[in-house]
């Protein structure tokens, strides 16, 4: 709702460079790093905006690039050589169909039909 109340201000962000728009967006309470990154990826086509704080992304990138899970800081270190194109690298990894290893027991398929 706060973002909607700021719609006119948000509209002006479209004319700004992606990183500046992301910073200004985060001034609105409730919009953090993850949301701002996701927005500028789509609105500005930002090739470098990384969704820090994403629940699965860091472990996914770590597994793809090193074979081991990592946290947000580790993900950013791994992607540093591609600064300027880090989001593109993440998208390329995703387009390969790579899946990070899963752990724990699999759920058995439940039969929800009435008997």
PDB file of N, CA and C in Angstrom:
ATOM      1  N   UNK A   1       0.831  -1.187   0.000  1.00  0.00           N
ATOM      2  CA  UNK A   1       0.000   0.000   0.000  1.00  0.00           C
ATOM      3  C   UNK A   1       0.877   1.254   0.000  1.00  0.00           C
ATOM      4  N   UNK A   2       1.984   1.201   0.755  1.00  0.00           N
ATOM      5  CA  UNK A   2       2.889   2.356   0.756  1.00  0.00           C
ATOM      6  C   UNK A   2       3.437   2.607  -0.644  1.00  0.00           C
ATOM      7  N   UNK A   3       3.791   1.524  -1.336  1.00  0.00           N
ATOM      8  CA  UNK A   3       4.317   1.673  -2.692  1.00  0.00           C
ATOM      9  C   UNK A   3       3.264   2.266  -3.616  1.00  0.00           C
ATOM     10  N   UNK A   4       2.014   1.837  -3.449  1.00  0.00           N
ATOM     11  CA  UNK A   4       0.945   2.396  -4.277  1.00  0.00           C
ATOM     12  C   UNK A   4       0.743   3.875  -4.008  1.00  0.00           C
ATOM     13  N   UNK A   5       0.856   4.269  -2.742  1.00  0.00           N
ATOM     14  CA  UNK A   5       0.728   5.689  -2.409  1.00  0.00           C
ATOM     15  C   UNK A   5       1.874   6.495  -3.010  1.00  0.00           C
ATOM     16  N   UNK A   6       2.969   5.836  -3.279  1.00  0.00           N
ATOM     17  CA  UNK A   6       4.134   6.501  -3.856  1.00  0.00           C
ATOM     18  C   UNK A   6       4.225   6.258  -5.361  1.00  0.00           C
ATOM     19  N   UNK A   7       3.136   5.895  -5.984  1.00  0.00           N
ATOM     20  CA  UNK A   7       3.144   5.502  -7.394  1.00  0.00           C
ATOM     21  C   UNK A   7       3.711   6.583  -8.301  1.00  0.00           C
ATOM     22  N   UNK A   8       3.384   7.848  -8.047  1.00  0.00           N
ATOM     23  CA  UNK A   8       3.897   8.928  -8.889  1.00  0.00           C
ATOM     24  C   UNK A   8       5.414   9.002  -8.767  1.00  0.00           C
ATOM     25  N   UNK A   9       5.914   8.883  -7.533  1.00  0.00           N
ATOM     26  CA  UNK A   9       7.366   8.903  -7.312  1.00  0.00           C
ATOM     27  C   UNK A   9       8.019   7.688  -7.964  1.00  0.00           C
ATOM     28  N   UNK A  10       7.378   6.536  -7.854  1.00  0.00           N
ATOM     29  CA  UNK A  10       7.917   5.328  -8.463  1.00  0.00           C
ATOM     30  C   UNK A  10       7.970   5.447  -9.979  1.00  0.00           C
ATOM     31  N   UNK A  11       6.983   6.103 -10.547  1.00  0.00           N
ATOM     32  CA  UNK A  11       6.953   6.291 -11.992  1.00  0.00           C
ATOM     33  C   UNK A  11       8.165   7.087 -12.463  1.00  0.00           C
ATOM     34  N   UNK A  12       8.575   8.065 -11.663  1.00  0.00           N
ATOM     35  CA  UNK A  12       9.745   8.882 -12.005  1.00  0.00           C
ATOM     36  C   UNK A  12      11.024   8.058 -11.978  1.00  0.00           C
ATOM     37  N   UNK A  13      11.029   6.974 -11.223  1.00  0.00           N
ATOM     38  CA  UNK A  13      12.229   6.144 -11.129  1.00  0.00           C
ATOM     39  C   UNK A  13      12.564   5.463 -12.452  1.00  0.00           C
ATOM     40  N   UNK A  14      11.573   5.300 -13.303  1.00  0.00           N
ATOM     41  CA  UNK A  14      11.792   4.636 -14.587  1.00  0.00           C
ATOM     42  C   UNK A  14      12.807   5.391 -15.442  1.00  0.00           C
ATOM     43  N   UNK A  15      12.905   6.701 -15.248  1.00  0.00           N
ATOM     44  CA  UNK A  15      13.829   7.505 -16.046  1.00  0.00           C
ATOM     45  C   UNK A  15      15.254   7.475 -15.494  1.00  0.00           C
ATOM     46  N   UNK A  16      15.424   6.952 -14.285  1.00  0.00           N
ATOM     47  CA  UNK A  16      16.747   6.919 -13.653  1.00  0.00           C
ATOM     48  C   UNK A  16      17.514   5.658 -14.039  1.00  0.00           C
ATOM     49  N   UNK A  17      18.837   5.684 -13.916  1.00  0.00           N
ATOM     50  CA  UNK A  17      19.602   4.452 -14.106  1.00  0.00           C
ATOM     51  C   UNK A  17      19.157   3.398 -13.082  1.00  0.00           C
ATOM     52  N   UNK A  18      19.290   2.140 -13.429  1.00  0.00           N
ATOM     53  CA  UNK A  18      18.764   1.038 -12.618  1.00  0.00           C
ATOM     54  C   UNK A  18      19.248   1.066 -11.171  1.00  0.00           C
ATOM     55  N   UNK A  19      20.538   1.233 -10.950  1.00  0.00           N
ATOM     56  CA  UNK A  19      21.057   1.176  -9.582  1.00  0.00           C
ATOM     57  C   UNK A  19      20.552   2.346  -8.740  1.00  0.00           C
ATOM     58  N   UNK A  20      20.453   3.512  -9.343  1.00  0.00           N
ATOM     59  CA  UNK A  20      19.913   4.670  -8.629  1.00  0.00           C
ATOM     60  C   UNK A  20      18.436   4.470  -8.313  1.00  0.00           C
ATOM     61  N   UNK A  21      17.689   3.923  -9.262  1.00  0.00           N
ATOM     62  CA  UNK A  21      16.270   3.645  -9.041  1.00  0.00           C
ATOM     63  C   UNK A  21      16.095   2.644  -7.901  1.00  0.00           C
ATOM     64  N   UNK A  22      16.941   1.618  -7.857  1.00  0.00           N
ATOM     65  CA  UNK A  22      16.859   0.613  -6.797  1.00  0.00           C
ATOM     66  C   UNK A  22      17.123   1.240  -5.431  1.00  0.00           C
ATOM     67  N   UNK A  23      18.114   2.107  -5.353  1.00  0.00           N
ATOM     68  CA  UNK A  23      18.417   2.786  -4.081  1.00  0.00           C
ATOM     69  C   UNK A  23      17.248   3.644  -3.616  1.00  0.00           C
ATOM     70  N   UNK A  24      16.666   4.416  -4.527  1.00  0.00           N
ATOM     71  CA  UNK A  24      15.559   5.306  -4.160  1.00  0.00           C
ATOM     72  C   UNK A  24      14.310   4.512  -3.786  1.00  0.00           C
ATOM     73  N   UNK A  25      14.111   3.376  -4.414  1.00  0.00           N
ATOM     74  CA  UNK A  25      12.960   2.531  -4.108  1.00  0.00           C
ATOM     75  C   UNK A  25      13.015   2.036  -2.666  1.00  0.00           C
ATOM     76  N   UNK A  26      14.222   1.772  -2.190  1.00  0.00           N
ATOM     77  CA  UNK A  26      14.399   1.211  -0.851  1.00  0.00           C
ATOM     78  C   UNK A  26      14.116   2.223   0.256  1.00  0.00           C
ATOM     79  N   UNK A  27      13.873   3.466  -0.105  1.00  0.00           N
ATOM     80  CA  UNK A  27      13.492   4.481   0.883  1.00  0.00           C
ATOM     81  C   UNK A  27      12.069   4.219   1.380  1.00  0.00           C
ATOM     82  N   UNK A  28      11.262   3.586   0.544  1.00  0.00           N
ATOM     83  CA  UNK A  28       9.884   3.269   0.915  1.00  0.00           C
ATOM     84  C   UNK A  28       9.910   2.114   1.902  1.00  0.00           C
ATOM     85  N   UNK A  29       9.338   2.297   3.097  1.00  0.00           N
ATOM     86  CA  UNK A  29       9.325   1.205   4.086  1.00  0.00           C
ATOM     87  C   UNK A  29       8.680  -0.049   3.504  1.00  0.00           C
ATOM     88  N   UNK A  30       9.343  -1.174   3.706  1.00  0.00           N
ATOM     89  CA  UNK A  30       8.829  -2.442   3.199  1.00  0.00           C
ATOM     90  C   UNK A  30       9.471  -2.875   1.894  1.00  0.00           C
ATOM     91  N   UNK A  31      10.172  -1.966   1.224  1.00  0.00           N
ATOM     92  CA  UNK A  31      10.876  -2.330  -0.004  1.00  0.00           C
ATOM     93  C   UNK A  31      12.355  -2.417   0.330  1.00  0.00           C
ATOM     94  N   UNK A  32      12.878  -3.623   0.215  1.00  0.00           N
ATOM     95  CA  UNK A  32      14.276  -3.854   0.552  1.00  0.00           C
ATOM     96  C   UNK A  32      15.105  -4.183  -0.666  1.00  0.00           C
ATOM     97  N   UNK A  33      16.278  -4.705  -0.409  1.00  0.00           N
ATOM     98  CA  UNK A  33      17.244  -5.016  -1.457  1.00  0.00           C
ATOM     99  C   UNK A  33      16.673  -6.025  -2.456  1.00  0.00           C
ATOM    100  N   UNK A  34      16.047  -7.082  -1.942  1.00  0.00           N
ATOM    101  CA  UNK A  34      15.524  -8.120  -2.826  1.00  0.00           C
ATOM    102  C   UNK A  34      14.450  -7.559  -3.767  1.00  0.00           C
ATOM    103  N   UNK A  35      13.489  -6.846  -3.207  1.00  0.00           N
ATOM    104  CA  UNK A  35      12.393  -6.309  -4.016  1.00  0.00           C
ATOM    105  C   UNK A  35      12.912  -5.322  -5.052  1.00  0.00           C
ATOM    106  N   UNK A  36      13.806  -4.426  -4.634  1.00  0.00           N
ATOM    107  CA  UNK A  36      14.356  -3.438  -5.561  1.00  0.00           C
ATOM    108  C   UNK A  36      15.105  -4.124  -6.699  1.00  0.00           C
ATOM    109  N   UNK A  37      15.871  -5.153  -6.387  1.00  0.00           N
ATOM    110  CA  UNK A  37      16.609  -5.878  -7.427  1.00  0.00           C
ATOM    111  C   UNK A  37      15.656  -6.555  -8.402  1.00  0.00           C
ATOM    112  N   UNK A  38      14.633  -7.207  -7.871  1.00  0.00           N
ATOM    113  CA  UNK A  38      13.660  -7.881  -8.735  1.00  0.00           C
ATOM    114  C   UNK A  38      12.948  -6.875  -9.654  1.00  0.00           C
ATOM    115  N   UNK A  39      12.635  -5.700  -9.125  1.00  0.00           N
ATOM    116  CA  UNK A  39      11.944  -4.694  -9.929  1.00  0.00           C
ATOM    117  C   UNK A  39      12.844  -4.175 -11.049  1.00  0.00           C
ATOM    118  N   UNK A  40      14.072  -3.764 -10.724  1.00  0.00           N
ATOM    119  CA  UNK A  40      14.929  -3.199 -11.783  1.00  0.00           C
ATOM    120  C   UNK A  40      15.393  -4.251 -12.785  1.00  0.00           C
ATOM    121  N   UNK A  41      15.399  -5.521 -12.386  1.00  0.00           N
ATOM    122  CA  UNK A  41      15.687  -6.566 -13.369  1.00  0.00           C
ATOM    123  C   UNK A  41      14.637  -6.527 -14.471  1.00  0.00           C
ATOM    124  N   UNK A  42      13.405  -6.275 -14.078  1.00  0.00           N
ATOM    125  CA  UNK A  42      12.308  -6.304 -15.041  1.00  0.00           C
ATOM    126  C   UNK A  42      12.029  -4.950 -15.688  1.00  0.00           C
ATOM    127  N   UNK A  43      12.072  -3.882 -14.911  1.00  0.00           N
ATOM    128  CA  UNK A  43      11.727  -2.576 -15.470  1.00  0.00           C
ATOM    129  C   UNK A  43      12.854  -1.955 -16.269  1.00  0.00           C
ATOM    130  N   UNK A  44      14.083  -2.187 -15.854  1.00  0.00           N
ATOM    131  CA  UNK A  44      15.231  -1.580 -16.514  1.00  0.00           C
ATOM    132  C   UNK A  44      16.062  -2.589 -17.302  1.00  0.00           C
ATOM    133  N   UNK A  45      15.714  -3.870 -17.177  1.00  0.00           N
ATOM    134  CA  UNK A  45      16.512  -4.898 -17.827  1.00  0.00           C
ATOM    135  C   UNK A  45      17.938  -4.898 -17.287  1.00  0.00           C
ATOM    136  N   UNK A  46      18.068  -4.611 -15.995  1.00  0.00           N
ATOM    137  CA  UNK A  46      19.389  -4.459 -15.381  1.00  0.00           C
ATOM    138  C   UNK A  46      20.182  -5.769 -15.447  1.00  0.00           C
ATOM    139  N   UNK A  47      21.324  -5.762 -16.115  1.00  0.00           N
ATOM    140  CA  UNK A  47      22.107  -6.979 -16.272  1.00  0.00           C
ATOM    141  C   UNK A  47      22.934  -7.356 -15.048  1.00  0.00           C
ATOM    142  N   UNK A  48      22.965  -6.478 -14.019  1.00  0.00           N
ATOM    143  CA  UNK A  48      23.859  -6.710 -12.885  1.00  0.00           C
ATOM    144  C   UNK A  48      23.134  -6.852 -11.554  1.00  0.00           C
ATOM    145  N   UNK A  49      21.850  -6.599 -11.521  1.00  0.00           N
ATOM    146  CA  UNK A  49      21.097  -6.585 -10.276  1.00  0.00           C
ATOM    147  C   UNK A  49      20.875  -7.997  -9.738  1.00  0.00           C
ATOM    148  N   UNK A  50      21.406  -8.264  -8.538  1.00  0.00           N
ATOM    149  CA  UNK A  50      21.309  -9.584  -7.933  1.00  0.00           C
ATOM    150  C   UNK A  50      20.309  -9.558  -6.787  1.00  0.00           C
ATOM    151  N   UNK A  51      19.455 -10.537  -6.706  1.00  0.00           N
ATOM    152  CA  UNK A  51      18.423 -10.618  -5.672  1.00  0.00           C
ATOM    153  C   UNK A  51      19.001 -11.157  -4.369  1.00  0.00           C
ATOM    154  N   UNK A  52      19.773 -10.306  -3.701  1.00  0.00           N
ATOM    155  CA  UNK A  52      20.358 -10.679  -2.411  1.00  0.00           C
ATOM    156  C   UNK A  52      19.217 -10.856  -1.416  1.00  0.00           C
ATOM    157  N   UNK A  53      19.264 -11.921  -0.653  1.00  0.00           N
ATOM    158  CA  UNK A  53      18.205 -12.201   0.310  1.00  0.00           C
ATOM    159  C   UNK A  53      17.194 -13.213  -0.209  1.00  0.00           C
ATOM    160  N   UNK A  54      17.354 -13.646  -1.447  1.00  0.00           N
ATOM    161  CA  UNK A  54      16.478 -14.664  -1.999  1.00  0.00           C
ATOM    162  C   UNK A  54      16.720 -15.971  -1.235  1.00  0.00           C
ATOM    163  N   UNK A  55      15.667 -16.675  -0.929  1.00  0.00           N
ATOM    164  CA  UNK A  55      15.767 -17.856  -0.079  1.00  0.00           C
ATOM    165  C   UNK A  55      16.641 -18.960  -0.683  1.00  0.00           C
ATOM    166  N   UNK A  56      16.603 -19.145  -1.991  1.00  0.00           N
ATOM    167  CA  UNK A  56      17.311 -20.255  -2.630  1.00  0.00           C
ATOM    168  C   UNK A  56      18.487 -19.833  -3.509  1.00  0.00           C
ATOM    169  N   UNK A  57      18.536 -18.595  -3.948  1.00  0.00           N
ATOM    170  CA  UNK A  57      19.470 -18.187  -4.995  1.00  0.00           C
ATOM    171  C   UNK A  57      20.943 -18.397  -4.632  1.00  0.00           C
ATOM    172  N   UNK A  58      21.354 -17.990  -3.456  1.00  0.00           N
ATOM    173  CA  UNK A  58      22.771 -18.109  -3.089  1.00  0.00           C
ATOM    174  C   UNK A  58      23.223 -19.575  -3.098  1.00  0.00           C
ATOM    175  N   UNK A  59      22.424 -20.457  -2.507  1.00  0.00           N
ATOM    176  CA  UNK A  59      22.776 -21.878  -2.489  1.00  0.00           C
ATOM    177  C   UNK A  59      22.813 -22.438  -3.909  1.00  0.00           C
ATOM    178  N   UNK A  60      21.905 -21.995  -4.737  1.00  0.00           N
ATOM    179  CA  UNK A  60      21.833 -22.443  -6.132  1.00  0.00           C
ATOM    180  C   UNK A  60      23.075 -22.018  -6.907  1.00  0.00           C
ATOM    181  N   UNK A  61      23.432 -20.743  -6.801  1.00  0.00           N
ATOM    182  CA  UNK A  61      24.607 -20.227  -7.511  1.00  0.00           C
ATOM    183  C   UNK A  61      25.875 -20.899  -6.985  1.00  0.00           C
ATOM    184  N   UNK A  62      25.978 -21.037  -5.673  1.00  0.00           N
ATOM    185  CA  UNK A  62      27.135 -21.707  -5.092  1.00  0.00           C
ATOM    186  C   UNK A  62      27.277 -23.127  -5.594  1.00  0.00           C
ATOM    187  N   UNK A  63      26.180 -23.864  -5.613  1.00  0.00           N
ATOM    188  CA  UNK A  63      26.209 -25.255  -6.084  1.00  0.00           C
ATOM    189  C   UNK A  63      26.584 -25.328  -7.561  1.00  0.00           C
ATOM    190  N   UNK A  64      26.093 -24.395  -8.354  1.00  0.00           N
ATOM    191  CA  UNK A  64      26.382 -24.406  -9.786  1.00  0.00           C
ATOM    192  C   UNK A  64      27.841 -24.074 -10.080  1.00  0.00           C
ATOM    193  N   UNK A  65      28.393 -23.122  -9.335  1.00  0.00           N
ATOM    194  CA  UNK A  65      29.750 -22.663  -9.645  1.00  0.00           C
ATOM    195  C   UNK A  65      30.848 -23.390  -8.883  1.00  0.00           C
ATOM    196  N   UNK A  66      30.531 -23.964  -7.715  1.00  0.00           N
ATOM    197  CA  UNK A  66      31.584 -24.601  -6.920  1.00  0.00           C
ATOM    198  C   UNK A  66      31.238 -26.026  -6.492  1.00  0.00           C
ATOM    199  N   UNK A  67      29.974 -26.410  -6.652  1.00  0.00           N
ATOM    200  CA  UNK A  67      29.545 -27.719  -6.177  1.00  0.00           C
ATOM    201  C   UNK A  67      29.151 -27.708  -4.714  1.00  0.00           C
ATOM    202  N   UNK A  68      29.230 -26.530  -4.072  1.00  0.00           N
ATOM    203  CA  UNK A  68      28.855 -26.405  -2.653  1.00  0.00           C
ATOM    204  C   UNK A  68      27.924 -25.217  -2.471  1.00  0.00           C
ATOM    205  N   UNK A  69      27.049 -25.325  -1.494  1.00  0.00           N
ATOM    206  CA  UNK A  69      26.139 -24.231  -1.184  1.00  0.00           C
ATOM    207  C   UNK A  69      26.912 -23.068  -0.580  1.00  0.00           C
ATOM    208  N   UNK A  70      26.365 -21.878  -0.682  1.00  0.00           N
ATOM    209  CA  UNK A  70      26.986 -20.704  -0.090  1.00  0.00           C
ATOM    210  C   UNK A  70      25.898 -19.755   0.396  1.00  0.00           C
ATOM    211  N   UNK A  71      26.309 -18.669   1.033  1.00  0.00           N
ATOM    212  CA  UNK A  71      25.361 -17.652   1.490  1.00  0.00           C
ATOM    213  C   UNK A  71      25.422 -16.463   0.527  1.00  0.00           C
ATOM    214  N   UNK A  72      24.698 -15.390   0.856  1.00  0.00           N
ATOM    215  CA  UNK A  72      24.657 -14.222  -0.028  1.00  0.00           C
ATOM    216  C   UNK A  72      26.042 -13.626  -0.262  1.00  0.00           C
ATOM    217  N   UNK A  73      26.829 -13.483   0.805  1.00  0.00           N
ATOM    218  CA  UNK A  73      28.172 -12.906   0.661  1.00  0.00           C
ATOM    219  C   UNK A  73      29.038 -13.786  -0.238  1.00  0.00           C
ATOM    220  N   UNK A  74      28.939 -15.097  -0.060  1.00  0.00           N
ATOM    221  CA  UNK A  74      29.695 -16.019  -0.905  1.00  0.00           C
ATOM    222  C   UNK A  74      29.246 -15.949  -2.355  1.00  0.00           C
ATOM    223  N   UNK A  75      27.939 -15.824  -2.568  1.00  0.00           N
ATOM    224  CA  UNK A  75      27.413 -15.712  -3.929  1.00  0.00           C
ATOM    225  C   UNK A  75      27.970 -14.459  -4.601  1.00  0.00           C
ATOM    226  N   UNK A  76      27.974 -13.350  -3.883  1.00  0.00           N
ATOM    227  CA  UNK A  76      28.489 -12.106  -4.462  1.00  0.00           C
ATOM    228  C   UNK A  76      29.980 -12.225  -4.778  1.00  0.00           C
ATOM    229  N   UNK A  77      30.741 -12.915  -3.917  1.00  0.00           N
ATOM    230  CA  UNK A  77      32.170 -13.136  -4.203  1.00  0.00           C
ATOM    231  C   UNK A  77      32.335 -13.989  -5.464  1.00  0.00           C
ATOM    232  N   UNK A  78      31.535 -15.030  -5.580  1.00  0.00           N
ATOM    233  CA  UNK A  78      31.632 -15.904  -6.755  1.00  0.00           C
ATOM    234  C   UNK A  78      31.276 -15.169  -8.047  1.00  0.00           C
ATOM    235  N   UNK A  79      30.317 -14.260  -7.968  1.00  0.00           N
ATOM    236  CA  UNK A  79      29.866 -13.555  -9.167  1.00  0.00           C
ATOM    237  C   UNK A  79      30.688 -12.310  -9.480  1.00  0.00           C
ATOM    238  N   UNK A  80      31.603 -11.938  -8.594  1.00  0.00           N
ATOM    239  CA  UNK A  80      32.404 -10.716  -8.765  1.00  0.00           C
ATOM    240  C   UNK A  80      33.122 -10.635 -10.112  1.00  0.00           C
ATOM    241  N   UNK A  81      33.694 -11.727 -10.626  1.00  0.00           N
ATOM    242  CA  UNK A  81      34.385 -11.614 -11.924  1.00  0.00           C
ATOM    243  C   UNK A  81      33.466 -11.155 -13.061  1.00  0.00           C
ATOM    244  N   UNK A  82      32.172 -11.307 -12.864  1.00  0.00           N
ATOM    245  CA  UNK A  82      31.214 -10.912 -13.901  1.00  0.00           C
ATOM    246  C   UNK A  82      30.480  -9.616 -13.552  1.00  0.00           C
ATOM    247  N   UNK A  83      31.059  -8.804 -12.667  1.00  0.00           N
ATOM    248  CA  UNK A  83      30.412  -7.544 -12.273  1.00  0.00           C
ATOM    249  C   UNK A  83      30.004  -6.781 -13.532  1.00  0.00           C
ATOM    250  N   UNK A  84      28.809  -6.280 -13.502  1.00  0.00           N
ATOM    251  CA  UNK A  84      28.233  -5.620 -14.667  1.00  0.00           C
ATOM    252  C   UNK A  84      27.291  -6.541 -15.423  1.00  0.00           C
ATOM    253  N   UNK A  85      27.473  -7.849 -15.213  1.00  0.00           N
ATOM    254  CA  UNK A  85      26.650  -8.843 -15.913  1.00  0.00           C
ATOM    255  C   UNK A  85      26.224  -9.974 -14.988  1.00  0.00           C
ATOM    256  N   UNK A  86      26.239  -9.739 -13.689  1.00  0.00           N
ATOM    257  CA  UNK A  86      25.976 -10.820 -12.732  1.00  0.00           C
ATOM    258  C   UNK A  86      24.583 -11.419 -12.885  1.00  0.00           C
ATOM    259  N   UNK A  87      23.580 -10.605 -13.135  1.00  0.00           N
ATOM    260  CA  UNK A  87      22.224 -11.141 -13.318  1.00  0.00           C
ATOM    261  C   UNK A  87      22.156 -11.976 -14.587  1.00  0.00           C
ATOM    262  N   UNK A  88      22.869 -11.560 -15.595  1.00  0.00           N
ATOM    263  CA  UNK A  88      22.913 -12.344 -16.827  1.00  0.00           C
ATOM    264  C   UNK A  88      23.535 -13.721 -16.570  1.00  0.00           C
ATOM    265  N   UNK A  89      24.583 -13.754 -15.754  1.00  0.00           N
ATOM    266  CA  UNK A  89      25.232 -15.028 -15.428  1.00  0.00           C
ATOM    267  C   UNK A  89      24.248 -15.939 -14.689  1.00  0.00           C
ATOM    268  N   UNK A  90      23.511 -15.368 -13.724  1.00  0.00           N
ATOM    269  CA  UNK A  90      22.511 -16.159 -12.985  1.00  0.00           C
ATOM    270  C   UNK A  90      21.467 -16.705 -13.957  1.00  0.00           C
ATOM    271  N   UNK A  91      20.998 -15.885 -14.878  1.00  0.00           N
ATOM    272  CA  UNK A  91      19.995 -16.340 -15.857  1.00  0.00           C
ATOM    273  C   UNK A  91      20.561 -17.432 -16.756  1.00  0.00           C
ATOM    274  N   UNK A  92      21.833 -17.303 -17.134  1.00  0.00           N
ATOM    275  CA  UNK A  92      22.444 -18.346 -17.968  1.00  0.00           C
ATOM    276  C   UNK A  92      22.520 -19.663 -17.215  1.00  0.00           C
ATOM    277  N   UNK A  93      22.903 -19.591 -15.936  1.00  0.00           N
ATOM    278  CA  UNK A  93      22.950 -20.821 -15.125  1.00  0.00           C
ATOM    279  C   UNK A  93      21.553 -21.436 -15.068  1.00  0.00           C
ATOM    280  N   UNK A  94      20.537 -20.612 -14.845  1.00  0.00           N
ATOM    281  CA  UNK A  94      19.164 -21.115 -14.764  1.00  0.00           C
ATOM    282  C   UNK A  94      18.723 -21.735 -16.080  1.00  0.00           C
ATOM    283  N   UNK A  95      19.171 -21.168 -17.193  1.00  0.00           N
ATOM    284  CA  UNK A  95      18.737 -21.676 -18.498  1.00  0.00           C
ATOM    285  C   UNK A  95      19.367 -23.033 -18.839  1.00  0.00           C
ATOM    286  N   UNK A  96      20.402 -23.430 -18.101  1.00  0.00           N
ATOM    287  CA  UNK A  96      21.029 -24.731 -18.366  1.00  0.00           C
ATOM    288  C   UNK A  96      20.196 -25.889 -17.840  1.00  0.00           C
ATOM    289  N   UNK A  97      19.268 -25.585 -16.926  1.00  0.00           N
ATOM    290  CA  UNK A  97      18.476 -26.640 -16.311  1.00  0.00           C
ATOM    291  C   UNK A  97      19.150 -27.227 -15.083  1.00  0.00           C
ATOM    292  N   UNK A  98      20.267 -26.634 -14.658  1.00  0.00           N
ATOM    293  CA  UNK A  98      20.986 -27.105 -13.472  1.00  0.00           C
ATOM    294  C   UNK A  98      20.051 -27.104 -12.270  1.00  0.00           C
ATOM    295  N   UNK A  99      20.180 -28.127 -11.447  1.00  0.00           N
ATOM    296  CA  UNK A  99      19.425 -28.199 -10.192  1.00  0.00           C
ATOM    297  C   UNK A  99      20.404 -28.452  -9.072  1.00  0.00           C
ATOM    298  N   UNK A 100      20.280 -27.686  -7.992  1.00  0.00           N
ATOM    299  CA  UNK A 100      21.172 -27.920  -6.858  1.00  0.00           C
ATOM    300  C   UNK A 100      20.770 -29.221  -6.177  1.00  0.00           C
ATOM    301  N   UNK A 101      21.741 -29.878  -5.543  1.00  0.00           N
ATOM    302  CA  UNK A 101      21.434 -31.134  -4.851  1.00  0.00           C
ATOM    303  C   UNK A 101      20.397 -30.922  -3.751  1.00  0.00           C
ATOM    304  N   UNK A 102      19.534 -31.883  -3.591  1.00  0.00           N
ATOM    305  CA  UNK A 102      18.536 -31.817  -2.523  1.00  0.00           C
ATOM    306  C   UNK A 102      18.893 -32.847  -1.467  1.00  0.00           C
ATOM    307  N   UNK A 103      18.508 -32.567  -0.258  1.00  0.00           N
ATOM    308  CA  UNK A 103      18.829 -33.434   0.863  1.00  0.00           C
ATOM    309  C   UNK A 103      17.559 -33.754   1.630  1.00  0.00           C
ATOM    310  N   UNK A 104      17.586 -34.828   2.346  1.00  0.00           N
ATOM    311  CA  UNK A 104      16.436 -35.185   3.157  1.00  0.00           C
ATOM    312  C   UNK A 104      15.534 -36.159   2.438  1.00  0.00           C
ATOM    313  N   UNK A 105      14.608 -36.724   3.179  1.00  0.00           N
ATOM    314  CA  UNK A 105      13.716 -37.721   2.587  1.00  0.00           C
ATOM    315  C   UNK A 105      12.719 -37.078   1.622  1.00  0.00           C
ATOM    316  N   UNK A 106      12.377 -37.809   0.612  1.00  0.00           N
ATOM    317  CA  UNK A 106      11.355 -37.366  -0.332  1.00  0.00           C
ATOM    318  C   UNK A 106       9.989 -37.645   0.285  1.00  0.00           C
ATOM    319  N   UNK A 107       9.050 -36.779   0.000  1.00  0.00           N
ATOM    320  CA  UNK A 107       7.688 -37.020   0.460  1.00  0.00           C
ATOM    321  C   UNK A 107       7.062 -38.111  -0.388  1.00  0.00           C
ATOM    322  N   UNK A 108       6.352 -38.988   0.241  1.00  0.00           N
ATOM    323  CA  UNK A 108       5.641 -39.996  -0.536  1.00  0.00           C
ATOM    324  C   UNK A 108       4.443 -39.335  -1.198  1.00  0.00           C
ATOM    325  N   UNK A 109       4.073 -39.850  -2.332  1.00  0.00           N
ATOM    326  CA  UNK A 109       2.932 -39.302  -3.060  1.00  0.00           C
ATOM    327  C   UNK A 109       1.662 -39.634  -2.283  1.00  0.00           C
ATOM    328  N   UNK A 110       0.882 -38.629  -2.022  1.00  0.00           N
ATOM    329  CA  UNK A 110      -0.343 -38.807  -1.260  1.00  0.00           C
ATOM    330  C   UNK A 110      -1.514 -39.049  -2.215  1.00  0.00           C
ATOM    331  N   UNK A 111      -2.378 -39.975  -1.843  1.00  0.00           N
ATOM    332  CA  UNK A 111      -3.574 -40.254  -2.613  1.00  0.00           C
ATOM    333  C   UNK A 111      -4.713 -39.478  -1.976  1.00  0.00           C
ATOM    334  N   UNK A 112      -5.184 -38.440  -2.653  1.00  0.00           N
ATOM    335  CA  UNK A 112      -6.238 -37.586  -2.091  1.00  0.00           C
ATOM    336  C   UNK A 112      -7.624 -37.905  -2.640  1.00  0.00           C
ATOM    337  N   UNK A 113      -7.713 -39.013  -3.390  1.00  0.00           N
ATOM    338  CA  UNK A 113      -9.010 -39.394  -3.910  1.00  0.00           C
ATOM    339  C   UNK A 113      -9.876 -39.944  -2.778  1.00  0.00           C
ATOM    340  N   UNK A 114     -11.132 -39.711  -2.887  1.00  0.00           N
ATOM    341  CA  UNK A 114     -12.064 -40.273  -1.888  1.00  0.00           C
ATOM    342  C   UNK A 114     -12.233 -41.759  -2.178  1.00  0.00           C
ATOM    343  N   UNK A 115     -12.294 -42.553  -1.142  1.00  0.00           N
ATOM    344  CA  UNK A 115     -12.445 -44.002  -1.322  1.00  0.00           C
ATOM    345  C   UNK A 115     -13.840 -44.425  -1.019  1.00  0.00           C
TER     346      UNK A 115
END
